[in-house]
Amino acid sequence: MFTCAMYHAIFHVIQAPACAQKWIGATLMPLLTMGLLGLSPPSRAAEWADIPATEVVFIYPGQISLQWLLDPAIHKGAKKFRTGERECRDCHAWNLEDVGEKILHSSILEPTPPANRRSSVALKARMRIVDDAMQVRLEWPAATANSTSVQSGADTRITLLLDDRVASFSRAGCWAACHADSRTMPADNGRNQDKYLIHSRSRMGPTGGGTGLKPAADLNASITKGEFLEFWQATLNPGKPAFARSGYLLEKRHYHGTSHVSADATFSQGRWVTTLSRPLSAPAPDFKSFQPGVTYTVGFALHDQFTAGRFHLVSYPYTFRIDGDSIPLKPVQTEK
């Protein structure tokens, strides 16, 4: 609605001297135009330094699978976890570094420990909205030595998994896709099976779901309903540009033909700083659409020291909601 105040403002611009008109036109007129069109002034993106960092501790998971977490015969917290009385963090948040160290040196949970492998690392994570895009900034110290027993062609790969629909992921994080019959896990049996979600299998047992996939129509329906995990990944090598990929995980990992995720990274004084970014709107059905007020779960995985496969470090799950330009990460734990 064109108000009297707007008329007066424009009148004063017209009557002002030429030098004043130039200044007023550059500052006042954009605001008046937005008022005429019913628009809000553009918000200034929050600076990274002004966004509180969330410490995310990554630990070495060894051969711990979703089935291991749910088995009360080998995991004393399984019963309360299954019933929802406890989350992983409720029992282990206070000693995550010790958990990673114990797993790495357990002959049962890690029969083939990589030499020189570190068992944990703490990252600083920040999230924000800039120009209709979600940005995630991660900062962490690099290891001082490479793993000598499990090799990869990349120095480091950092992966972010996110979702708003899959119940197992909202509680177990990365372990929702890690099963006893996956590649290099105890029930692998040489099938070289990729990560997958439980609802992609026709049945699940104590060692996983095997190769019994649900029909293609059911898998396509899961994509339509958003019952998959989206992932962003940056491959990092010191002195080289970051290489970004995106994809989704359902019955296996699928890499998008065109990555709508971008990545920037710097390596300085033994520390990595990486920023991953993706538009808020979903460019295809196998992407998530980010909406204000929706709770999303996110988990992280770090392949550093030239490691590959399951010899990575992983985080417990976190949640976030888009309620402003700065997006705080919150750990998943039982509400007291």
C-alpha atoms as a PDB file:
ATOM      1  CA  MET A   1       0.000   0.000   0.000  1.00  0.00           C
ATOM      2  CA  PHE A   2       1.370   3.427  -0.979  1.00  0.00           C
ATOM      3  CA  THR A   3       1.249   5.531   2.206  1.00  0.00           C
ATOM      4  CA  CYS A   4       1.441   9.273   2.742  1.00  0.00           C
ATOM      5  CA  ALA A   5       4.817   8.811   4.363  1.00  0.00           C
ATOM      6  CA  MET A   6       6.116   7.296   1.146  1.00  0.00           C
ATOM      7  CA  TYR A   7       4.827  10.263  -0.880  1.00  0.00           C
ATOM      8  CA  HIS A   8       6.567  12.692   1.485  1.00  0.00           C
ATOM      9  CA  ALA A   9       9.817  10.731   1.362  1.00  0.00           C
ATOM     10  CA  ILE A  10       9.888  10.736  -2.424  1.00  0.00           C
ATOM     11  CA  PHE A  11       8.941  14.450  -2.477  1.00  0.00           C
ATOM     12  CA  HIS A  12      11.941  15.290  -0.269  1.00  0.00           C
ATOM     13  CA  VAL A  13      14.255  13.337  -2.549  1.00  0.00           C
ATOM     14  CA  ILE A  14      13.038  15.334  -5.552  1.00  0.00           C
ATOM     15  CA  GLN A  15      13.435  18.678  -3.737  1.00  0.00           C
ATOM     16  CA  ALA A  16      16.900  17.925  -2.336  1.00  0.00           C
ATOM     17  CA  PRO A  17      20.076  19.341  -3.908  1.00  0.00           C
ATOM     18  CA  ALA A  18      21.764  17.146  -6.549  1.00  0.00           C
ATOM     19  CA  CYS A  19      24.495  15.936  -4.177  1.00  0.00           C
ATOM     20  CA  ALA A  20      21.913  14.951  -1.567  1.00  0.00           C
ATOM     21  CA  GLN A  21      19.744  13.269  -4.179  1.00  0.00           C
ATOM     22  CA  LYS A  22      22.633  10.960  -5.086  1.00  0.00           C
ATOM     23  CA  TRP A  23      23.135   9.855  -1.457  1.00  0.00           C
ATOM     24  CA  ILE A  24      19.403   9.525  -0.714  1.00  0.00           C
ATOM     25  CA  GLY A  25      18.787   7.613  -3.916  1.00  0.00           C
ATOM     26  CA  ALA A  26      21.457   5.044  -2.999  1.00  0.00           C
ATOM     27  CA  THR A  27      20.253   4.515   0.561  1.00  0.00           C
ATOM     28  CA  LEU A  28      16.589   5.449   0.920  1.00  0.00           C
ATOM     29  CA  MET A  29      15.108   4.502  -2.448  1.00  0.00           C
ATOM     30  CA  PRO A  30      15.925   0.751  -2.220  1.00  0.00           C
ATOM     31  CA  LEU A  31      14.076   0.624   1.100  1.00  0.00           C
ATOM     32  CA  LEU A  32      11.118   2.536  -0.339  1.00  0.00           C
ATOM     33  CA  THR A  33      11.019   0.209  -3.350  1.00  0.00           C
ATOM     34  CA  MET A  34      10.916  -2.815  -1.062  1.00  0.00           C
ATOM     35  CA  GLY A  35       8.065  -1.208   0.850  1.00  0.00           C
ATOM     36  CA  LEU A  36       6.137  -0.645  -2.371  1.00  0.00           C
ATOM     37  CA  LEU A  37       6.619  -4.268  -3.421  1.00  0.00           C
ATOM     38  CA  GLY A  38       5.940  -5.701   0.020  1.00  0.00           C
ATOM     39  CA  LEU A  39       9.495  -7.035   0.330  1.00  0.00           C
ATOM     40  CA  SER A  40      11.763  -7.251   3.381  1.00  0.00           C
ATOM     41  CA  PRO A  41      15.291  -5.782   3.383  1.00  0.00           C
ATOM     42  CA  PRO A  42      17.982  -8.375   2.572  1.00  0.00           C
ATOM     43  CA  SER A  43      19.473  -9.912   5.712  1.00  0.00           C
ATOM     44  CA  ARG A  44      23.205  -9.777   6.242  1.00  0.00           C
ATOM     45  CA  ALA A  45      24.814 -13.202   6.451  1.00  0.00           C
ATOM     46  CA  ALA A  46      26.198 -14.059   9.862  1.00  0.00           C
ATOM     47  CA  GLU A  47      29.986 -13.994   9.953  1.00  0.00           C
ATOM     48  CA  TRP A  48      31.596 -17.332  10.828  1.00  0.00           C
ATOM     49  CA  ALA A  49      33.375 -15.754  13.776  1.00  0.00           C
ATOM     50  CA  ASP A  50      30.010 -14.646  15.201  1.00  0.00           C
ATOM     51  CA  ILE A  51      28.496 -18.154  15.047  1.00  0.00           C
ATOM     52  CA  PRO A  52      29.179 -20.308  18.135  1.00  0.00           C
ATOM     53  CA  ALA A  53      31.025 -23.484  17.219  1.00  0.00           C
ATOM     54  CA  THR A  54      29.736 -26.918  18.202  1.00  0.00           C
ATOM     55  CA  GLU A  55      32.443 -29.378  19.181  1.00  0.00           C
ATOM     56  CA  VAL A  56      31.920 -32.661  17.349  1.00  0.00           C
ATOM     57  CA  VAL A  57      34.054 -35.554  18.589  1.00  0.00           C
ATOM     58  CA  PHE A  58      34.786 -38.266  16.035  1.00  0.00           C
ATOM     59  CA  ILE A  59      35.700 -41.755  17.230  1.00  0.00           C
ATOM     60  CA  TYR A  60      37.035 -44.911  15.651  1.00  0.00           C
ATOM     61  CA  PRO A  61      34.090 -47.374  15.270  1.00  0.00           C
ATOM     62  CA  GLY A  62      35.924 -50.571  14.376  1.00  0.00           C
ATOM     63  CA  GLN A  63      33.502 -53.357  13.450  1.00  0.00           C
ATOM     64  CA  ILE A  64      30.620 -52.014  15.531  1.00  0.00           C
ATOM     65  CA  SER A  65      27.464 -52.264  13.431  1.00  0.00           C
ATOM     66  CA  LEU A  66      23.784 -51.444  13.936  1.00  0.00           C
ATOM     67  CA  GLN A  67      23.234 -55.101  14.823  1.00  0.00           C
ATOM     68  CA  TRP A  68      25.960 -54.890  17.493  1.00  0.00           C
ATOM     69  CA  LEU A  69      24.288 -51.833  19.029  1.00  0.00           C
ATOM     70  CA  LEU A  70      20.965 -53.684  19.255  1.00  0.00           C
ATOM     71  CA  ASP A  71      22.297 -56.983  20.657  1.00  0.00           C
ATOM     72  CA  PRO A  72      21.978 -57.129  24.492  1.00  0.00           C
ATOM     73  CA  ALA A  73      24.269 -60.176  24.579  1.00  0.00           C
ATOM     74  CA  ILE A  74      27.273 -58.049  23.561  1.00  0.00           C
ATOM     75  CA  HIS A  75      26.177 -54.452  24.215  1.00  0.00           C
ATOM     76  CA  LYS A  76      24.956 -53.809  27.735  1.00  0.00           C
ATOM     77  CA  GLY A  77      23.173 -50.626  26.680  1.00  0.00           C
ATOM     78  CA  ALA A  78      21.240 -52.356  23.885  1.00  0.00           C
ATOM     79  CA  LYS A  79      17.955 -52.863  25.749  1.00  0.00           C
ATOM     80  CA  LYS A  80      17.553 -49.242  26.810  1.00  0.00           C
ATOM     81  CA  PHE A  81      18.677 -48.051  23.399  1.00  0.00           C
ATOM     82  CA  ARG A  82      16.099 -50.261  21.665  1.00  0.00           C
ATOM     83  CA  THR A  83      13.279 -48.968  23.866  1.00  0.00           C
ATOM     84  CA  GLY A  84      14.330 -45.344  23.509  1.00  0.00           C
ATOM     85  CA  GLU A  85      15.190 -44.940  27.188  1.00  0.00           C
ATOM     86  CA  ARG A  86      18.784 -44.045  26.313  1.00  0.00           C
ATOM     87  CA  GLU A  87      20.689 -42.602  23.398  1.00  0.00           C
ATOM     88  CA  CYS A  88      24.348 -43.302  22.614  1.00  0.00           C
ATOM     89  CA  ARG A  89      25.451 -39.970  23.998  1.00  0.00           C
ATOM     90  CA  ASP A  90      23.668 -40.495  27.327  1.00  0.00           C
ATOM     91  CA  CYS A  91      26.191 -43.166  28.299  1.00  0.00           C
ATOM     92  CA  HIS A  92      29.291 -42.196  26.328  1.00  0.00           C
ATOM     93  CA  ALA A  93      29.424 -38.409  25.859  1.00  0.00           C
ATOM     94  CA  TRP A  94      31.724 -37.945  28.834  1.00  0.00           C
ATOM     95  CA  ASN A  95      34.427 -40.349  27.567  1.00  0.00           C
ATOM     96  CA  LEU A  96      34.219 -40.402  23.784  1.00  0.00           C
ATOM     97  CA  GLU A  97      38.001 -40.282  23.356  1.00  0.00           C
ATOM     98  CA  ASP A  98      38.338 -43.324  25.627  1.00  0.00           C
ATOM     99  CA  VAL A  99      35.655 -45.155  23.654  1.00  0.00           C
ATOM    100  CA  GLY A 100      37.541 -44.655  20.387  1.00  0.00           C
ATOM    101  CA  GLU A 101      40.812 -45.766  21.957  1.00  0.00           C
ATOM    102  CA  LYS A 102      39.291 -48.908  23.464  1.00  0.00           C
ATOM    103  CA  ILE A 103      37.657 -49.909  20.183  1.00  0.00           C
ATOM    104  CA  LEU A 104      40.862 -49.400  18.213  1.00  0.00           C
ATOM    105  CA  HIS A 105      42.772 -51.696  20.564  1.00  0.00           C
ATOM    106  CA  SER A 106      40.054 -54.312  21.025  1.00  0.00           C
ATOM    107  CA  SER A 107      40.872 -57.595  19.293  1.00  0.00           C
ATOM    108  CA  ILE A 108      37.132 -58.338  19.082  1.00  0.00           C
ATOM    109  CA  LEU A 109      35.913 -54.960  17.809  1.00  0.00           C
ATOM    110  CA  GLU A 110      38.973 -54.309  15.639  1.00  0.00           C
ATOM    111  CA  PRO A 111      40.787 -57.479  14.520  1.00  0.00           C
ATOM    112  CA  THR A 112      43.018 -55.627  12.016  1.00  0.00           C
ATOM    113  CA  PRO A 113      43.913 -52.220  13.513  1.00  0.00           C
ATOM    114  CA  PRO A 114      45.623 -49.859  11.064  1.00  0.00           C
ATOM    115  CA  ALA A 115      49.112 -48.850  12.167  1.00  0.00           C
ATOM    116  CA  ASN A 116      49.441 -45.239  13.337  1.00  0.00           C
ATOM    117  CA  ARG A 117      45.657 -44.780  13.247  1.00  0.00           C
ATOM    118  CA  ARG A 118      44.383 -42.141  15.645  1.00  0.00           C
ATOM    119  CA  SER A 119      41.279 -43.134  17.571  1.00  0.00           C
ATOM    120  CA  SER A 120      39.515 -39.775  17.888  1.00  0.00           C
ATOM    121  CA  VAL A 121      39.601 -36.123  16.896  1.00  0.00           C
ATOM    122  CA  ALA A 122      37.493 -33.082  17.812  1.00  0.00           C
ATOM    123  CA  LEU A 123      36.087 -30.787  15.123  1.00  0.00           C
ATOM    124  CA  LYS A 124      34.530 -27.348  15.304  1.00  0.00           C
ATOM    125  CA  ALA A 125      31.293 -27.232  13.303  1.00  0.00           C
ATOM    126  CA  ARG A 126      29.311 -24.158  12.278  1.00  0.00           C
ATOM    127  CA  MET A 127      26.277 -23.767   9.990  1.00  0.00           C
ATOM    128  CA  ARG A 128      24.613 -20.769   8.382  1.00  0.00           C
ATOM    129  CA  ILE A 129      22.345 -19.625   5.531  1.00  0.00           C
ATOM    130  CA  VAL A 130      23.858 -17.376   2.843  1.00  0.00           C
ATOM    131  CA  ASP A 131      22.077 -16.339  -0.374  1.00  0.00           C
ATOM    132  CA  ASP A 132      19.534 -19.178  -0.170  1.00  0.00           C
ATOM    133  CA  ALA A 133      22.239 -21.768   0.427  1.00  0.00           C
ATOM    134  CA  MET A 134      23.138 -23.932   3.405  1.00  0.00           C
ATOM    135  CA  GLN A 135      26.803 -23.699   4.396  1.00  0.00           C
ATOM    136  CA  VAL A 136      28.624 -26.002   6.817  1.00  0.00           C
ATOM    137  CA  ARG A 137      32.096 -25.052   8.048  1.00  0.00           C
ATOM    138  CA  LEU A 138      34.290 -27.701   9.682  1.00  0.00           C
ATOM    139  CA  GLU A 139      37.701 -27.153  11.255  1.00  0.00           C
ATOM    140  CA  TRP A 140      39.971 -29.834  12.719  1.00  0.00           C
ATOM    141  CA  PRO A 141      43.647 -30.731  13.277  1.00  0.00           C
ATOM    142  CA  ALA A 142      45.228 -33.107  10.798  1.00  0.00           C
ATOM    143  CA  ALA A 143      46.983 -36.220  12.049  1.00  0.00           C
ATOM    144  CA  THR A 144      50.771 -36.126  12.354  1.00  0.00           C
ATOM    145  CA  ALA A 145      51.300 -39.498  10.626  1.00  0.00           C
ATOM    146  CA  ASN A 146      49.598 -41.501   7.903  1.00  0.00           C
ATOM    147  CA  SER A 147      48.032 -44.895   8.409  1.00  0.00           C
ATOM    148  CA  THR A 148      50.392 -47.543   7.064  1.00  0.00           C
ATOM    149  CA  SER A 149      48.063 -50.509   6.681  1.00  0.00           C
ATOM    150  CA  VAL A 150      44.920 -49.165   4.946  1.00  0.00           C
ATOM    151  CA  GLN A 151      45.611 -46.905   2.001  1.00  0.00           C
ATOM    152  CA  SER A 152      43.477 -44.552  -0.069  1.00  0.00           C
ATOM    153  CA  GLY A 153      44.366 -42.232  -2.918  1.00  0.00           C
ATOM    154  CA  ALA A 154      43.195 -39.206  -0.944  1.00  0.00           C
ATOM    155  CA  ASP A 155      44.757 -37.650   2.135  1.00  0.00           C
ATOM    156  CA  THR A 156      41.342 -36.859   3.624  1.00  0.00           C
ATOM    157  CA  ARG A 157      37.629 -37.181   2.869  1.00  0.00           C
ATOM    158  CA  ILE A 158      35.030 -35.478   5.029  1.00  0.00           C
ATOM    159  CA  THR A 159      31.425 -36.615   4.623  1.00  0.00           C
ATOM    160  CA  LEU A 160      28.180 -35.174   5.963  1.00  0.00           C
ATOM    161  CA  LEU A 161      24.987 -37.273   6.035  1.00  0.00           C
ATOM    162  CA  LEU A 162      21.646 -35.606   6.653  1.00  0.00           C
ATOM    163  CA  ASP A 163      17.980 -36.533   6.814  1.00  0.00           C
ATOM    164  CA  ASP A 164      14.519 -35.612   8.140  1.00  0.00           C
ATOM    165  CA  ARG A 165      12.592 -38.901   7.680  1.00  0.00           C
ATOM    166  CA  VAL A 166      14.612 -42.045   8.549  1.00  0.00           C
ATOM    167  CA  ALA A 167      13.959 -43.076  12.159  1.00  0.00           C
ATOM    168  CA  SER A 168      17.041 -45.296  12.490  1.00  0.00           C
ATOM    169  CA  PHE A 169      19.309 -42.447  11.401  1.00  0.00           C
ATOM    170  CA  SER A 170      17.720 -39.947  13.782  1.00  0.00           C
ATOM    171  CA  ARG A 171      18.739 -42.235  16.657  1.00  0.00           C
ATOM    172  CA  ALA A 172      21.851 -44.099  15.522  1.00  0.00           C
ATOM    173  CA  GLY A 173      23.380 -41.621  13.081  1.00  0.00           C
ATOM    174  CA  CYS A 174      25.974 -43.168  10.759  1.00  0.00           C
ATOM    175  CA  TRP A 175      25.417 -46.605  12.336  1.00  0.00           C
ATOM    176  CA  ALA A 176      21.986 -46.711  10.652  1.00  0.00           C
ATOM    177  CA  ALA A 177      23.807 -47.552   7.401  1.00  0.00           C
ATOM    178  CA  CYS A 178      26.527 -49.783   8.865  1.00  0.00           C
ATOM    179  CA  HIS A 179      25.649 -53.475   9.127  1.00  0.00           C
ATOM    180  CA  ALA A 180      27.349 -56.676  10.166  1.00  0.00           C
ATOM    181  CA  ASP A 181      27.291 -57.937   6.567  1.00  0.00           C
ATOM    182  CA  SER A 182      28.745 -54.779   4.995  1.00  0.00           C
ATOM    183  CA  ARG A 183      32.171 -54.705   3.389  1.00  0.00           C
ATOM    184  CA  THR A 184      35.017 -55.721   5.801  1.00  0.00           C
ATOM    185  CA  MET A 185      32.521 -56.326   8.613  1.00  0.00           C
ATOM    186  CA  PRO A 186      32.253 -59.633  10.563  1.00  0.00           C
ATOM    187  CA  ALA A 187      29.523 -61.174   8.341  1.00  0.00           C
ATOM    188  CA  ASP A 188      30.838 -59.810   5.045  1.00  0.00           C
ATOM    189  CA  ASN A 189      31.364 -63.302   3.547  1.00  0.00           C
ATOM    190  CA  GLY A 190      33.148 -61.815   0.558  1.00  0.00           C
ATOM    191  CA  ARG A 191      30.030 -60.138  -0.863  1.00  0.00           C
ATOM    192  CA  ASN A 192      31.679 -56.701  -0.822  1.00  0.00           C
ATOM    193  CA  GLN A 193      28.354 -55.177   0.177  1.00  0.00           C
ATOM    194  CA  ASP A 194      27.923 -51.410   0.374  1.00  0.00           C
ATOM    195  CA  LYS A 195      26.284 -49.421   3.178  1.00  0.00           C
ATOM    196  CA  TYR A 196      22.473 -49.490   3.181  1.00  0.00           C
ATOM    197  CA  LEU A 197      19.339 -48.634   5.164  1.00  0.00           C
ATOM    198  CA  ILE A 198      17.220 -51.335   6.802  1.00  0.00           C
ATOM    199  CA  HIS A 199      14.001 -50.480   4.941  1.00  0.00           C
ATOM    200  CA  SER A 200      15.713 -51.254   1.615  1.00  0.00           C
ATOM    201  CA  ARG A 201      15.781 -54.976   2.527  1.00  0.00           C
ATOM    202  CA  SER A 202      12.911 -57.442   2.400  1.00  0.00           C
ATOM    203  CA  ARG A 203      13.945 -58.788   5.808  1.00  0.00           C
ATOM    204  CA  MET A 204      16.562 -58.119   8.475  1.00  0.00           C
ATOM    205  CA  GLY A 205      18.309 -60.609  10.723  1.00  0.00           C
ATOM    206  CA  PRO A 206      21.015 -60.603  13.408  1.00  0.00           C
ATOM    207  CA  THR A 207      23.709 -60.192  10.735  1.00  0.00           C
ATOM    208  CA  GLY A 208      21.877 -57.674   8.548  1.00  0.00           C
ATOM    209  CA  GLY A 209      19.686 -57.767   5.473  1.00  0.00           C
ATOM    210  CA  GLY A 210      21.970 -59.489   2.996  1.00  0.00           C
ATOM    211  CA  THR A 211      21.302 -59.048  -0.690  1.00  0.00           C
ATOM    212  CA  GLY A 212      17.508 -59.390  -0.436  1.00  0.00           C
ATOM    213  CA  LEU A 213      16.520 -56.018  -1.843  1.00  0.00           C
ATOM    214  CA  LYS A 214      12.949 -54.815  -1.930  1.00  0.00           C
ATOM    215  CA  PRO A 215      11.445 -54.412  -5.411  1.00  0.00           C
ATOM    216  CA  ALA A 216      12.541 -51.386  -7.427  1.00  0.00           C
ATOM    217  CA  ALA A 217       9.052 -49.898  -7.085  1.00  0.00           C
ATOM    218  CA  ASP A 218       9.399 -49.919  -3.289  1.00  0.00           C
ATOM    219  CA  LEU A 219      12.845 -48.309  -3.449  1.00  0.00           C
ATOM    220  CA  ASN A 220      11.544 -45.609  -5.792  1.00  0.00           C
ATOM    221  CA  ALA A 221       8.651 -45.011  -3.400  1.00  0.00           C
ATOM    222  CA  SER A 222      11.173 -44.498  -0.574  1.00  0.00           C
ATOM    223  CA  ILE A 223      12.888 -41.816  -2.629  1.00  0.00           C
ATOM    224  CA  THR A 224       9.564 -40.113  -3.359  1.00  0.00           C
ATOM    225  CA  LYS A 225       8.742 -40.092   0.362  1.00  0.00           C
ATOM    226  CA  GLY A 226      12.213 -38.787   1.259  1.00  0.00           C
ATOM    227  CA  GLU A 227      13.201 -41.977   3.112  1.00  0.00           C
ATOM    228  CA  PHE A 228      16.883 -41.839   2.171  1.00  0.00           C
ATOM    229  CA  LEU A 229      20.013 -40.148   3.459  1.00  0.00           C
ATOM    230  CA  GLU A 230      21.586 -37.345   1.477  1.00  0.00           C
ATOM    231  CA  PHE A 231      25.353 -37.006   1.713  1.00  0.00           C
ATOM    232  CA  TRP A 232      27.881 -34.307   0.912  1.00  0.00           C
ATOM    233  CA  GLN A 233      31.544 -35.176   0.556  1.00  0.00           C
ATOM    234  CA  ALA A 234      34.773 -33.247   0.043  1.00  0.00           C
ATOM    235  CA  THR A 235      37.993 -34.966  -0.996  1.00  0.00           C
ATOM    236  CA  LEU A 236      40.994 -33.062   0.326  1.00  0.00           C
ATOM    237  CA  ASN A 237      44.698 -33.090  -0.502  1.00  0.00           C
ATOM    238  CA  PRO A 238      47.058 -30.349   0.759  1.00  0.00           C
ATOM    239  CA  GLY A 239      47.940 -27.862  -1.966  1.00  0.00           C
ATOM    240  CA  LYS A 240      45.048 -28.930  -4.223  1.00  0.00           C
ATOM    241  CA  PRO A 241      41.478 -27.626  -4.632  1.00  0.00           C
ATOM    242  CA  ALA A 242      38.775 -29.521  -2.753  1.00  0.00           C
ATOM    243  CA  PHE A 243      36.756 -31.961  -4.860  1.00  0.00           C
ATOM    244  CA  ALA A 244      33.049 -32.022  -3.944  1.00  0.00           C
ATOM    245  CA  ARG A 245      30.495 -34.767  -4.544  1.00  0.00           C
ATOM    246  CA  SER A 246      26.935 -35.366  -3.433  1.00  0.00           C
ATOM    247  CA  GLY A 247      24.675 -38.378  -3.441  1.00  0.00           C
ATOM    248  CA  TYR A 248      22.103 -40.383  -1.533  1.00  0.00           C
ATOM    249  CA  LEU A 249      22.093 -43.622   0.392  1.00  0.00           C
ATOM    250  CA  LEU A 250      19.285 -46.189   0.351  1.00  0.00           C
ATOM    251  CA  GLU A 251      19.996 -49.776  -0.763  1.00  0.00           C
ATOM    252  CA  LYS A 252      23.566 -48.602  -1.497  1.00  0.00           C
ATOM    253  CA  ARG A 253      25.400 -45.351  -2.096  1.00  0.00           C
ATOM    254  CA  HIS A 254      24.446 -43.414  -5.217  1.00  0.00           C
ATOM    255  CA  TYR A 255      26.617 -40.518  -6.396  1.00  0.00           C
ATOM    256  CA  HIS A 256      24.816 -37.744  -8.246  1.00  0.00           C
ATOM    257  CA  GLY A 257      25.893 -37.248 -11.837  1.00  0.00           C
ATOM    258  CA  THR A 258      26.005 -33.521 -11.144  1.00  0.00           C
ATOM    259  CA  SER A 259      27.027 -32.467  -7.667  1.00  0.00           C
ATOM    260  CA  HIS A 260      25.023 -29.529  -6.383  1.00  0.00           C
ATOM    261  CA  VAL A 261      27.411 -29.344  -3.424  1.00  0.00           C
ATOM    262  CA  SER A 262      30.445 -27.099  -3.570  1.00  0.00           C
ATOM    263  CA  ALA A 263      33.473 -27.248  -1.291  1.00  0.00           C
ATOM    264  CA  ASP A 264      36.274 -24.899  -0.345  1.00  0.00           C
ATOM    265  CA  ALA A 265      39.185 -25.950   1.839  1.00  0.00           C
ATOM    266  CA  THR A 266      42.403 -24.592   3.261  1.00  0.00           C
ATOM    267  CA  PHE A 267      45.219 -26.444   4.978  1.00  0.00           C
ATOM    268  CA  SER A 268      47.417 -24.291   7.189  1.00  0.00           C
ATOM    269  CA  GLN A 269      49.593 -24.977  10.232  1.00  0.00           C
ATOM    270  CA  GLY A 270      48.401 -28.541  10.424  1.00  0.00           C
ATOM    271  CA  ARG A 271      44.677 -27.720  10.370  1.00  0.00           C
ATOM    272  CA  TRP A 272      41.951 -28.252   7.799  1.00  0.00           C
ATOM    273  CA  VAL A 273      39.156 -25.710   7.344  1.00  0.00           C
ATOM    274  CA  THR A 274      36.469 -26.884   4.923  1.00  0.00           C
ATOM    275  CA  THR A 275      33.193 -25.266   3.901  1.00  0.00           C
ATOM    276  CA  LEU A 276      30.496 -27.309   2.171  1.00  0.00           C
ATOM    277  CA  SER A 277      27.557 -25.532   0.539  1.00  0.00           C
ATOM    278  CA  ARG A 278      24.304 -26.479  -1.211  1.00  0.00           C
ATOM    279  CA  PRO A 279      21.171 -24.564  -2.293  1.00  0.00           C
ATOM    280  CA  LEU A 280      18.258 -24.797   0.147  1.00  0.00           C
ATOM    281  CA  SER A 281      15.816 -25.987  -2.506  1.00  0.00           C
ATOM    282  CA  ALA A 282      16.015 -29.608  -3.666  1.00  0.00           C
ATOM    283  CA  PRO A 283      17.340 -29.741  -7.259  1.00  0.00           C
ATOM    284  CA  ALA A 284      16.010 -33.311  -7.739  1.00  0.00           C
ATOM    285  CA  PRO A 285      13.832 -35.871  -5.875  1.00  0.00           C
ATOM    286  CA  ASP A 286      16.912 -37.539  -4.362  1.00  0.00           C
ATOM    287  CA  PHE A 287      17.905 -34.355  -2.506  1.00  0.00           C
ATOM    288  CA  LYS A 288      16.449 -32.997   0.703  1.00  0.00           C
ATOM    289  CA  SER A 289      14.543 -29.722   0.667  1.00  0.00           C
ATOM    290  CA  PHE A 290      15.504 -27.480   3.571  1.00  0.00           C
ATOM    291  CA  GLN A 291      12.519 -25.806   5.215  1.00  0.00           C
ATOM    292  CA  PRO A 292      12.285 -23.525   8.282  1.00  0.00           C
ATOM    293  CA  GLY A 293      11.000 -25.212  11.417  1.00  0.00           C
ATOM    294  CA  VAL A 294      11.819 -28.780  10.300  1.00  0.00           C
ATOM    295  CA  THR A 295      14.192 -30.827  12.461  1.00  0.00           C
ATOM    296  CA  TYR A 296      17.039 -32.429  10.506  1.00  0.00           C
ATOM    297  CA  THR A 297      19.537 -35.014  11.714  1.00  0.00           C
ATOM    298  CA  VAL A 298      23.161 -34.838  10.620  1.00  0.00           C
ATOM    299  CA  GLY A 299      26.104 -37.197  11.098  1.00  0.00           C
ATOM    300  CA  PHE A 300      29.731 -36.869  10.039  1.00  0.00           C
ATOM    301  CA  ALA A 301      32.422 -39.284   8.864  1.00  0.00           C
ATOM    302  CA  LEU A 302      36.129 -38.556   8.432  1.00  0.00           C
ATOM    303  CA  HIS A 303      38.504 -40.638   6.331  1.00  0.00           C
ATOM    304  CA  ASP A 304      41.909 -39.182   7.158  1.00  0.00           C
ATOM    305  CA  GLN A 305      45.446 -40.589   7.269  1.00  0.00           C
ATOM    306  CA  PHE A 306      44.821 -42.099   3.788  1.00  0.00           C
ATOM    307  CA  THR A 307      42.277 -44.549   5.202  1.00  0.00           C
ATOM    308  CA  ALA A 308      39.476 -46.179   3.223  1.00  0.00           C
ATOM    309  CA  GLY A 309      36.289 -48.113   3.949  1.00  0.00           C
ATOM    310  CA  ARG A 310      35.317 -48.732   7.560  1.00  0.00           C
ATOM    311  CA  PHE A 311      38.677 -47.528   8.899  1.00  0.00           C
ATOM    312  CA  HIS A 312      37.303 -44.020   9.313  1.00  0.00           C
ATOM    313  CA  LEU A 313      36.198 -41.868  12.252  1.00  0.00           C
ATOM    314  CA  VAL A 314      32.514 -41.115  12.826  1.00  0.00           C
ATOM    315  CA  SER A 315      30.365 -38.863  15.001  1.00  0.00           C
ATOM    316  CA  TYR A 316      27.212 -39.423  16.981  1.00  0.00           C
ATOM    317  CA  PRO A 317      24.112 -37.756  15.453  1.00  0.00           C
ATOM    318  CA  TYR A 318      23.214 -34.089  15.847  1.00  0.00           C
ATOM    319  CA  THR A 319      20.095 -32.128  14.952  1.00  0.00           C
ATOM    320  CA  PHE A 320      19.476 -28.654  13.557  1.00  0.00           C
ATOM    321  CA  ARG A 321      16.535 -26.430  12.613  1.00  0.00           C
ATOM    322  CA  ILE A 322      16.519 -23.487  10.237  1.00  0.00           C
ATOM    323  CA  ASP A 323      15.164 -20.688  12.398  1.00  0.00           C
ATOM    324  CA  GLY A 324      17.525 -17.944  11.208  1.00  0.00           C
ATOM    325  CA  ASP A 325      20.767 -17.307   9.343  1.00  0.00           C
ATOM    326  CA  SER A 326      22.867 -18.939  12.101  1.00  0.00           C
ATOM    327  CA  ILE A 327      21.986 -22.606  12.655  1.00  0.00           C
ATOM    328  CA  PRO A 328      23.101 -24.258  15.916  1.00  0.00           C
ATOM    329  CA  LEU A 329      23.847 -27.984  16.009  1.00  0.00           C
ATOM    330  CA  LYS A 330      22.428 -29.899  18.970  1.00  0.00           C
ATOM    331  CA  PRO A 331      23.511 -33.362  20.090  1.00  0.00           C
ATOM    332  CA  VAL A 332      20.936 -36.166  20.041  1.00  0.00           C
ATOM    333  CA  GLN A 333      20.307 -37.331  23.611  1.00  0.00           C
ATOM    334  CA  THR A 334      17.446 -38.304  25.860  1.00  0.00           C
ATOM    335  CA  GLU A 335      15.554 -35.337  27.267  1.00  0.00           C
ATOM    336  CA  LYS A 336      15.806 -35.355  31.035  1.00  0.00           C
END
